[in-house]
Amino acid sequence: MTGLITGLFNLGTGEIIIIVFAIILLFGAKKIPELMHGIGKGINSFKKGMNDISDEINRPADNKENDGKDEAPK
């Protein structure tokens, strides 16, 4: 995981340690799991929204013509 972080932001080990230490000082050790849980929920919600949009875009055009209805009203 640190390889991904250092590759994306070009951070070294020393910078990562300083950032983690600053986060612990700002939020406290007890709040960090709650913070990570909230971030995880936000990321999952964002991914779900992106997948819904992608499905909407890739849906065949003839589904939009019937508004999702299979049969015409009798």
N, C-alpha and C. Protein backbone atom coordinates (compact mmCIF):
# COMPACT_ATOMS: atom_id res chain seq x y z
N MET A 1 0.82 -1.20 0.00
CA MET A 1 0.00 0.00 0.00
C MET A 1 0.86 1.25 0.00
N THR A 2 1.95 1.21 0.75
CA THR A 2 2.80 2.40 0.76
C THR A 2 3.43 2.63 -0.60
N GLY A 3 3.60 1.55 -1.39
CA GLY A 3 4.12 1.72 -2.75
C GLY A 3 3.17 2.52 -3.60
N LEU A 4 1.87 2.28 -3.43
CA LEU A 4 0.86 3.03 -4.16
C LEU A 4 0.87 4.50 -3.75
N ILE A 5 0.94 4.73 -2.45
CA ILE A 5 0.93 6.11 -1.95
C ILE A 5 2.18 6.86 -2.40
N THR A 6 3.34 6.23 -2.29
CA THR A 6 4.56 6.92 -2.68
C THR A 6 4.60 7.13 -4.19
N GLY A 7 4.01 6.22 -4.96
CA GLY A 7 3.97 6.39 -6.40
C GLY A 7 3.05 7.51 -6.83
N LEU A 8 1.93 7.65 -6.16
CA LEU A 8 0.97 8.68 -6.54
C LEU A 8 1.41 10.08 -6.13
N PHE A 9 1.90 10.20 -4.92
CA PHE A 9 2.20 11.53 -4.38
C PHE A 9 3.69 11.80 -4.25
N ASN A 10 4.53 10.84 -4.64
CA ASN A 10 5.97 10.98 -4.56
C ASN A 10 6.41 11.32 -3.14
N LEU A 11 5.88 10.57 -2.15
CA LEU A 11 6.22 10.77 -0.76
C LEU A 11 7.19 9.68 -0.31
N GLY A 12 8.13 10.07 0.51
CA GLY A 12 9.06 9.11 1.07
C GLY A 12 8.54 8.59 2.40
N THR A 13 9.27 7.66 2.98
CA THR A 13 8.87 7.05 4.25
C THR A 13 8.82 8.09 5.36
N GLY A 14 9.76 8.99 5.39
CA GLY A 14 9.79 10.02 6.43
C GLY A 14 8.57 10.92 6.38
N GLU A 15 8.15 11.30 5.17
CA GLU A 15 6.97 12.15 5.03
C GLU A 15 5.70 11.42 5.46
N ILE A 16 5.63 10.14 5.12
CA ILE A 16 4.45 9.35 5.51
C ILE A 16 4.37 9.23 7.02
N ILE A 17 5.49 9.00 7.68
CA ILE A 17 5.51 8.90 9.14
C ILE A 17 5.06 10.22 9.77
N ILE A 18 5.53 11.34 9.25
CA ILE A 18 5.14 12.66 9.77
C ILE A 18 3.64 12.89 9.58
N ILE A 19 3.10 12.51 8.42
CA ILE A 19 1.67 12.68 8.15
C ILE A 19 0.84 11.82 9.09
N VAL A 20 1.24 10.55 9.30
CA VAL A 20 0.51 9.68 10.22
C VAL A 20 0.57 10.23 11.64
N PHE A 21 1.71 10.72 12.05
CA PHE A 21 1.85 11.31 13.39
C PHE A 21 0.95 12.54 13.54
N ALA A 22 0.91 13.38 12.51
CA ALA A 22 0.05 14.57 12.57
C ALA A 22 -1.43 14.18 12.64
N ILE A 23 -1.82 13.14 11.91
CA ILE A 23 -3.22 12.69 11.96
C ILE A 23 -3.56 12.17 13.35
N ILE A 24 -2.64 11.43 13.96
CA ILE A 24 -2.88 10.93 15.32
C ILE A 24 -3.00 12.09 16.30
N LEU A 25 -2.18 13.11 16.15
CA LEU A 25 -2.26 14.27 17.03
C LEU A 25 -3.57 15.04 16.84
N LEU A 26 -4.00 15.19 15.59
CA LEU A 26 -5.21 15.97 15.31
C LEU A 26 -6.49 15.25 15.75
N PHE A 27 -6.58 13.98 15.44
CA PHE A 27 -7.85 13.26 15.66
C PHE A 27 -7.83 12.38 16.89
N GLY A 28 -6.69 12.01 17.39
CA GLY A 28 -6.60 11.11 18.52
C GLY A 28 -6.73 9.67 18.06
N ALA A 29 -6.12 8.78 18.80
CA ALA A 29 -6.08 7.36 18.41
C ALA A 29 -7.47 6.73 18.41
N LYS A 30 -8.37 7.20 19.26
CA LYS A 30 -9.71 6.59 19.35
C LYS A 30 -10.60 7.00 18.19
N LYS A 31 -10.37 8.15 17.60
CA LYS A 31 -11.23 8.65 16.52
C LYS A 31 -10.81 8.14 15.14
N ILE A 32 -9.59 7.66 15.00
CA ILE A 32 -9.10 7.24 13.69
C ILE A 32 -9.93 6.10 13.09
N PRO A 33 -10.29 5.03 13.84
CA PRO A 33 -11.14 3.99 13.24
C PRO A 33 -12.49 4.53 12.76
N GLU A 34 -13.09 5.44 13.51
CA GLU A 34 -14.35 6.04 13.09
C GLU A 34 -14.16 6.86 11.81
N LEU A 35 -13.06 7.58 11.74
CA LEU A 35 -12.74 8.39 10.56
C LEU A 35 -12.55 7.50 9.33
N MET A 36 -11.81 6.40 9.49
CA MET A 36 -11.58 5.48 8.38
C MET A 36 -12.87 4.80 7.95
N HIS A 37 -13.74 4.48 8.90
CA HIS A 37 -15.03 3.87 8.58
C HIS A 37 -15.88 4.83 7.75
N GLY A 38 -15.89 6.08 8.14
CA GLY A 38 -16.65 7.08 7.39
C GLY A 38 -16.10 7.29 5.99
N ILE A 39 -14.78 7.31 5.88
CA ILE A 39 -14.15 7.45 4.56
C ILE A 39 -14.49 6.24 3.69
N GLY A 40 -14.45 5.05 4.27
CA GLY A 40 -14.78 3.84 3.52
C GLY A 40 -16.22 3.85 3.02
N LYS A 41 -17.14 4.29 3.87
CA LYS A 41 -18.54 4.39 3.44
C LYS A 41 -18.69 5.40 2.31
N GLY A 42 -17.99 6.51 2.41
CA GLY A 42 -18.06 7.52 1.36
C GLY A 42 -17.52 7.01 0.04
N ILE A 43 -16.41 6.28 0.08
CA ILE A 43 -15.83 5.72 -1.14
C ILE A 43 -16.77 4.69 -1.75
N ASN A 44 -17.37 3.82 -0.92
CA ASN A 44 -18.32 2.83 -1.43
C ASN A 44 -19.53 3.50 -2.07
N SER A 45 -20.02 4.55 -1.45
CA SER A 45 -21.17 5.28 -2.01
C SER A 45 -20.80 5.92 -3.34
N PHE A 46 -19.61 6.47 -3.43
CA PHE A 46 -19.16 7.09 -4.66
C PHE A 46 -19.03 6.05 -5.78
N LYS A 47 -18.45 4.88 -5.45
CA LYS A 47 -18.31 3.82 -6.45
C LYS A 47 -19.67 3.33 -6.93
N LYS A 48 -20.63 3.20 -6.00
CA LYS A 48 -21.97 2.75 -6.37
C LYS A 48 -22.62 3.77 -7.30
N GLY A 49 -22.46 5.04 -7.01
CA GLY A 49 -23.00 6.08 -7.87
C GLY A 49 -22.37 6.06 -9.25
N MET A 50 -21.06 5.86 -9.30
CA MET A 50 -20.37 5.79 -10.59
C MET A 50 -20.83 4.58 -11.39
N ASN A 51 -21.03 3.44 -10.72
CA ASN A 51 -21.51 2.24 -11.41
C ASN A 51 -22.93 2.45 -11.92
N ASP A 52 -23.77 3.11 -11.15
CA ASP A 52 -25.15 3.39 -11.59
C ASP A 52 -25.15 4.28 -12.82
N ILE A 53 -24.30 5.29 -12.83
CA ILE A 53 -24.21 6.18 -13.99
C ILE A 53 -23.69 5.42 -15.20
N SER A 54 -22.68 4.59 -15.00
CA SER A 54 -22.13 3.79 -16.09
C SER A 54 -23.19 2.84 -16.66
N ASP A 55 -23.97 2.20 -15.78
CA ASP A 55 -25.04 1.31 -16.24
C ASP A 55 -26.08 2.08 -17.02
N GLU A 56 -26.40 3.28 -16.58
CA GLU A 56 -27.38 4.12 -17.26
C GLU A 56 -26.90 4.50 -18.66
N ILE A 57 -25.63 4.82 -18.77
CA ILE A 57 -25.07 5.21 -20.07
C ILE A 57 -25.02 4.02 -21.02
N ASN A 58 -24.67 2.84 -20.49
CA ASN A 58 -24.49 1.67 -21.34
C ASN A 58 -25.79 0.91 -21.61
N ARG A 59 -26.89 1.33 -21.03
CA ARG A 59 -28.17 0.67 -21.25
C ARG A 59 -28.57 0.84 -22.72
N PRO A 60 -29.12 -0.21 -23.33
CA PRO A 60 -29.55 -0.08 -24.73
C PRO A 60 -30.59 1.02 -24.91
N ALA A 61 -30.57 1.65 -26.07
CA ALA A 61 -31.45 2.79 -26.33
C ALA A 61 -32.91 2.38 -26.38
N ASP A 62 -33.24 1.15 -26.82
CA ASP A 62 -34.64 0.77 -26.92
C ASP A 62 -35.32 0.63 -25.57
N ASN A 63 -34.58 0.50 -24.48
CA ASN A 63 -35.19 0.49 -23.15
C ASN A 63 -35.73 1.87 -22.80
N LYS A 64 -35.09 2.91 -23.29
CA LYS A 64 -35.54 4.27 -22.99
C LYS A 64 -36.80 4.61 -23.77
N GLU A 65 -37.00 3.99 -24.93
CA GLU A 65 -38.18 4.28 -25.73
C GLU A 65 -39.46 3.80 -25.04
N ASN A 66 -39.41 2.67 -24.33
CA ASN A 66 -40.58 2.15 -23.63
C ASN A 66 -40.65 2.65 -22.19
N ASP A 67 -39.67 3.40 -21.77
CA ASP A 67 -39.56 3.82 -20.37
C ASP A 67 -39.47 2.62 -19.44
N GLY A 68 -38.84 1.55 -19.90
CA GLY A 68 -38.65 0.36 -19.08
C GLY A 68 -39.83 -0.57 -19.05
N LYS A 69 -40.89 -0.31 -19.80
CA LYS A 69 -42.06 -1.17 -19.80
C LYS A 69 -41.88 -2.24 -20.87
N ASP A 70 -42.28 -3.48 -20.56
CA ASP A 70 -42.12 -4.58 -21.49
C ASP A 70 -43.27 -4.65 -22.49
N GLU A 71 -44.46 -4.31 -22.07
CA GLU A 71 -45.63 -4.43 -22.93
C GLU A 71 -46.36 -3.10 -23.04
N ALA A 72 -47.03 -2.92 -24.16
CA ALA A 72 -47.85 -1.73 -24.33
C ALA A 72 -49.15 -1.92 -23.54
N PRO A 73 -49.73 -0.86 -22.99
CA PRO A 73 -51.00 -1.01 -22.25
C PRO A 73 -52.12 -1.44 -23.19
N LYS A 74 -53.03 -2.28 -22.63
CA LYS A 74 -54.13 -2.80 -23.45
C LYS A 74 -55.39 -2.02 -23.23
